[in-house]
Amino acid sequence: MNIMQIPRHPNEPCLLITDAGLASLVLTAMASEQPAADNQQRTTLYPAWWTSQSDMDLRIPAIDRAVEMQADLLSLSVIRDHAGYPEEAPSRGQQSSLGVHQTRMLLDAATLAIELGIKRVIWPIQIDQTEDTSETLNNIATAIDRAILTARLATLDAQSQGGVEVTIETPLVDLTNQQLSDLAADLNVPLNTCWWTDTTLPDAQDHYNRWAGQPTIASMLEHRPQSSNAATPAR
């Protein structure tokens, strides 16, 4: 039996990358519970998307709205003039790989953190657990390596930005769906603020079904207010 090591949010200012999904919401809730000293900057949210690059014209407004709701409820600030969304691809054949987009997104976030004098960037990536253990471990290792190496690349220019060196952390990268669900329940996160609660968006129903399949989350979703323009989720 594996015992989950509960991730902890650093008790210092961070730049938290968020796609307004469950993993991002969990870390946002953790950040909101961290006390801030007088005149000390708190964790700041950086809207981004690091999975599918399709239908971004539909996703971006929904993600932005969800990030704003989560920030408002949990009393955190949002960076509104920067975002880590995929670039528009001129054609399917010219679309850059997902890994390339993730690297660019992390580099932009790390560079922005350095400019703001923030030393830690938090990336709420969670790798799907597959039946192929070696594939899962390889994907986890790749995400961690990408975070570490991108932070090092961004830090090459740190001396010109006042000497701030940045790290990119992935505290949820190896959590299973059950572990993340249990953590969300423990924190009593406001699930109705996740972007996928609007089931009319691309892939939203898939995300809803993924988490509704977890008993702890399912019990929380039963009390979720239904949007008047959202489709009724499949049971």
Protein backbone atom coordinates (compact mmCIF):
# COMPACT_ATOMS: atom_id res chain seq x y z
CA MET A 1 0.00 0.00 0.00
CA ASN A 2 1.43 3.37 -1.08
CA ILE A 3 1.14 6.21 1.40
CA MET A 4 0.72 9.58 -0.28
CA GLN A 5 3.22 12.21 0.70
CA ILE A 6 1.04 15.30 0.96
CA PRO A 7 2.50 18.14 -1.11
CA ARG A 8 2.91 21.47 0.61
CA HIS A 9 2.80 24.92 -0.87
CA PRO A 10 5.91 27.03 -0.15
CA ASN A 11 5.39 29.70 2.51
CA GLU A 12 6.79 32.42 0.25
CA PRO A 13 5.70 34.31 -2.87
CA CYS A 14 5.25 32.03 -5.90
CA LEU A 15 4.05 32.27 -9.46
CA LEU A 16 1.41 29.56 -9.78
CA ILE A 17 0.66 28.44 -13.32
CA THR A 18 -3.03 27.56 -13.55
CA ASP A 19 -5.39 26.13 -16.16
CA ALA A 20 -8.32 26.31 -13.71
CA GLY A 21 -8.51 22.52 -13.58
CA LEU A 22 -8.64 20.37 -10.47
CA ALA A 23 -4.87 20.12 -9.92
CA SER A 24 -4.48 23.89 -10.32
CA LEU A 25 -7.41 24.52 -7.98
CA VAL A 26 -5.88 22.28 -5.31
CA LEU A 27 -2.62 24.24 -5.35
CA THR A 28 -4.51 27.54 -5.47
CA ALA A 29 -6.40 26.51 -2.34
CA MET A 30 -3.13 25.55 -0.64
CA ALA A 31 -1.60 28.91 -1.57
CA SER A 32 -4.57 30.78 -0.15
CA GLU A 33 -3.99 29.17 3.24
CA GLN A 34 -0.40 30.36 3.47
CA PRO A 35 -0.03 33.37 5.79
CA ALA A 36 1.60 36.44 4.32
CA ALA A 37 3.71 38.84 6.31
CA ASP A 38 2.96 42.56 6.19
CA ASN A 39 3.78 44.05 2.78
CA GLN A 40 4.81 40.62 1.50
CA GLN A 41 3.63 39.55 -1.92
CA ARG A 42 1.42 36.46 -1.95
CA THR A 43 1.19 33.77 -4.59
CA THR A 44 0.17 35.15 -7.98
CA LEU A 45 -1.81 33.15 -10.57
CA TYR A 46 -0.55 32.84 -14.15
CA PRO A 47 -3.26 31.59 -16.57
CA ALA A 48 -1.99 28.91 -18.97
CA TRP A 49 -2.87 25.75 -20.87
CA TRP A 50 -0.39 22.92 -21.41
CA THR A 51 -2.35 19.96 -22.82
CA SER A 52 -4.37 19.90 -26.06
CA GLN A 53 -3.68 22.76 -28.45
CA SER A 54 -7.01 22.51 -30.28
CA ASP A 55 -10.08 24.73 -29.87
CA MET A 56 -8.15 27.32 -27.89
CA ASP A 57 -10.41 30.11 -29.18
CA LEU A 58 -13.21 28.46 -27.20
CA ARG A 59 -11.17 27.42 -24.18
CA ILE A 60 -9.35 30.68 -23.40
CA PRO A 61 -12.41 32.73 -22.32
CA ALA A 62 -13.64 29.86 -20.14
CA ILE A 63 -10.22 29.35 -18.54
CA ASP A 64 -9.85 33.07 -17.89
CA ARG A 65 -13.28 33.23 -16.25
CA ALA A 66 -12.54 30.21 -14.08
CA VAL A 67 -9.13 31.55 -13.01
CA GLU A 68 -10.77 34.85 -12.04
CA MET A 69 -13.44 33.04 -10.00
CA GLN A 70 -10.86 30.95 -8.17
CA ALA A 71 -8.67 33.97 -7.48
CA ASP A 72 -11.64 35.96 -6.18
CA LEU A 73 -12.88 33.18 -3.91
CA LEU A 74 -9.42 32.40 -2.55
CA SER A 75 -8.14 35.99 -2.35
CA LEU A 76 -5.20 35.72 -4.74
CA SER A 77 -4.12 38.02 -7.55
CA VAL A 78 -4.01 37.19 -11.27
CA ILE A 79 -1.55 38.33 -13.91
CA ARG A 80 -3.87 39.62 -16.62
CA ASP A 81 -1.45 40.96 -19.22
CA HIS A 82 0.43 37.68 -19.69
CA ALA A 83 -0.78 34.12 -20.28
CA GLY A 84 0.77 30.82 -21.29
CA TYR A 85 -1.62 29.81 -24.05
CA PRO A 86 -0.51 27.96 -27.20
CA GLU A 87 0.30 30.07 -30.22
CA GLU A 88 -2.19 29.89 -33.05
CA ALA A 89 -1.07 27.17 -35.45
CA PRO A 90 -1.41 28.14 -39.13
CA SER A 91 -2.12 24.55 -40.06
CA ARG A 92 -2.19 21.09 -38.54
CA GLY A 93 1.05 20.17 -40.29
CA GLN A 94 2.86 23.22 -38.88
CA GLN A 95 1.55 22.89 -35.34
CA SER A 96 4.40 22.59 -32.85
CA SER A 97 4.59 19.61 -30.55
CA LEU A 98 2.97 19.66 -27.13
CA GLY A 99 6.40 19.37 -25.52
CA VAL A 100 7.62 22.45 -27.40
CA HIS A 101 4.60 24.42 -26.21
CA GLN A 102 5.14 23.30 -22.60
CA THR A 103 8.76 24.41 -22.73
CA ARG A 104 7.83 27.81 -24.16
CA MET A 105 5.09 28.25 -21.57
CA LEU A 106 7.42 27.36 -18.70
CA LEU A 107 10.17 29.61 -20.03
CA ASP A 108 7.76 32.54 -20.30
CA ALA A 109 6.49 31.92 -16.76
CA ALA A 110 10.01 31.61 -15.33
CA THR A 111 11.19 34.74 -17.13
CA LEU A 112 8.20 36.68 -15.84
CA ALA A 113 8.83 35.40 -12.31
CA ILE A 114 12.42 36.67 -12.50
CA GLU A 115 11.21 40.08 -13.66
CA LEU A 116 8.81 40.17 -10.69
CA GLY A 117 11.51 39.06 -8.24
CA ILE A 118 9.75 35.75 -7.57
CA LYS A 119 12.02 32.75 -7.02
CA ARG A 120 9.56 29.87 -7.35
CA VAL A 121 7.23 28.85 -10.15
CA ILE A 122 4.69 26.10 -9.45
CA TRP A 123 3.46 23.94 -12.35
CA PRO A 124 0.39 21.82 -11.43
CA ILE A 125 0.97 19.16 -14.07
CA GLN A 126 -0.34 15.71 -13.11
CA ILE A 127 0.67 12.77 -15.28
CA ASP A 128 -2.06 10.28 -16.13
CA GLN A 129 -1.32 6.85 -14.68
CA THR A 130 -1.41 4.21 -17.44
CA GLU A 131 -1.28 0.43 -17.27
CA ASP A 132 2.26 0.66 -18.61
CA THR A 133 4.24 1.57 -15.51
CA SER A 134 7.41 2.31 -17.46
CA GLU A 135 5.53 4.74 -19.71
CA THR A 136 4.05 6.51 -16.70
CA LEU A 137 7.43 6.82 -15.00
CA ASN A 138 9.01 8.08 -18.21
CA ASN A 139 6.32 10.76 -18.61
CA ILE A 140 6.77 11.84 -15.00
CA ALA A 141 10.54 12.03 -15.44
CA THR A 142 10.14 14.03 -18.65
CA ALA A 143 7.88 16.59 -16.95
CA ILE A 144 10.29 16.98 -14.04
CA ASP A 145 13.29 17.30 -16.36
CA ARG A 146 11.47 19.87 -18.48
CA ALA A 147 10.74 21.96 -15.39
CA ILE A 148 14.30 21.76 -14.04
CA LEU A 149 16.04 22.45 -17.34
CA THR A 150 13.72 25.30 -18.32
CA ALA A 151 14.32 26.98 -14.96
CA ARG A 152 18.06 26.71 -15.51
CA LEU A 153 17.71 28.24 -18.97
CA ALA A 154 15.67 31.15 -17.62
CA THR A 155 18.17 31.69 -14.81
CA LEU A 156 21.00 32.26 -17.30
CA ASP A 157 19.79 35.87 -17.52
CA ALA A 158 19.06 36.18 -13.80
CA GLN A 159 22.08 38.36 -13.06
CA SER A 160 20.76 41.05 -15.36
CA GLN A 161 17.47 40.94 -13.42
CA GLY A 162 18.93 41.58 -10.00
CA GLY A 163 20.39 38.16 -9.37
CA VAL A 164 17.11 36.32 -8.81
CA GLU A 165 17.35 32.62 -9.62
CA VAL A 166 14.14 30.73 -10.28
CA THR A 167 13.05 27.13 -9.79
CA ILE A 168 10.05 25.39 -11.35
CA GLU A 169 8.37 22.84 -9.08
CA THR A 170 5.91 20.05 -9.95
CA PRO A 171 4.41 18.98 -6.59
CA LEU A 172 1.49 16.98 -8.05
CA VAL A 173 3.22 15.33 -10.99
CA ASP A 174 3.10 11.74 -9.67
CA LEU A 175 -0.22 11.79 -7.83
CA THR A 176 -2.91 9.35 -8.93
CA ASN A 177 -6.45 10.54 -9.63
CA GLN A 178 -7.58 9.07 -6.32
CA GLN A 179 -4.83 10.82 -4.38
CA LEU A 180 -5.59 14.16 -6.01
CA SER A 181 -9.31 13.66 -5.41
CA ASP A 182 -8.75 12.91 -1.74
CA LEU A 183 -6.57 15.99 -1.42
CA ALA A 184 -9.23 18.14 -3.09
CA ALA A 185 -11.85 16.79 -0.69
CA ASP A 186 -9.63 17.46 2.33
CA LEU A 187 -9.24 21.06 1.21
CA ASN A 188 -12.94 21.33 0.32
CA VAL A 189 -12.06 23.11 -2.91
CA PRO A 190 -14.83 24.98 -4.78
CA LEU A 191 -15.27 22.48 -7.62
CA ASN A 192 -17.86 24.63 -9.38
CA THR A 193 -15.05 27.02 -10.37
CA CYS A 194 -13.19 24.46 -12.50
CA TRP A 195 -13.33 25.31 -16.20
CA TRP A 196 -14.87 21.94 -17.06
CA THR A 197 -18.04 22.61 -15.09
CA ASP A 198 -19.28 24.27 -18.30
CA THR A 199 -19.99 21.04 -20.17
CA THR A 200 -20.58 22.79 -23.51
CA LEU A 201 -16.83 23.32 -24.00
CA PRO A 202 -14.57 20.90 -25.93
CA ASP A 203 -13.47 17.99 -23.75
CA ALA A 204 -15.26 19.41 -20.70
CA GLN A 205 -17.48 16.36 -20.38
CA ASP A 206 -14.42 14.09 -20.50
CA HIS A 207 -12.84 16.00 -17.63
CA TYR A 208 -16.09 15.96 -15.70
CA ASN A 209 -16.46 12.20 -16.16
CA ARG A 210 -12.84 11.61 -15.21
CA TRP A 211 -13.26 13.23 -11.83
CA ALA A 212 -16.86 12.16 -11.27
CA GLY A 213 -15.52 8.60 -11.41
CA GLN A 214 -13.65 9.25 -8.16
CA PRO A 215 -15.95 8.63 -5.15
CA THR A 216 -14.71 11.59 -3.11
CA ILE A 217 -15.16 14.00 -6.00
CA ALA A 218 -18.48 12.47 -7.06
CA SER A 219 -19.93 13.21 -3.64
CA MET A 220 -18.83 16.84 -3.96
CA LEU A 221 -20.20 17.15 -7.50
CA GLU A 222 -23.64 16.04 -6.35
CA HIS A 223 -24.00 19.43 -4.71
CA ARG A 224 -22.55 21.37 -7.64
CA PRO A 225 -24.85 24.15 -8.89
CA GLN A 226 -25.89 23.38 -12.45
CA SER A 227 -25.33 26.07 -15.06
CA SER A 228 -28.49 26.96 -16.92
CA ASN A 229 -26.71 26.70 -20.29
CA ALA A 230 -24.71 23.57 -19.52
CA ALA A 231 -25.65 20.12 -20.65
CA THR A 232 -26.68 17.65 -17.98
CA PRO A 233 -23.68 15.39 -17.31
CA ALA A 234 -24.01 11.75 -18.17
CA ARG A 235 -24.59 9.43 -15.25
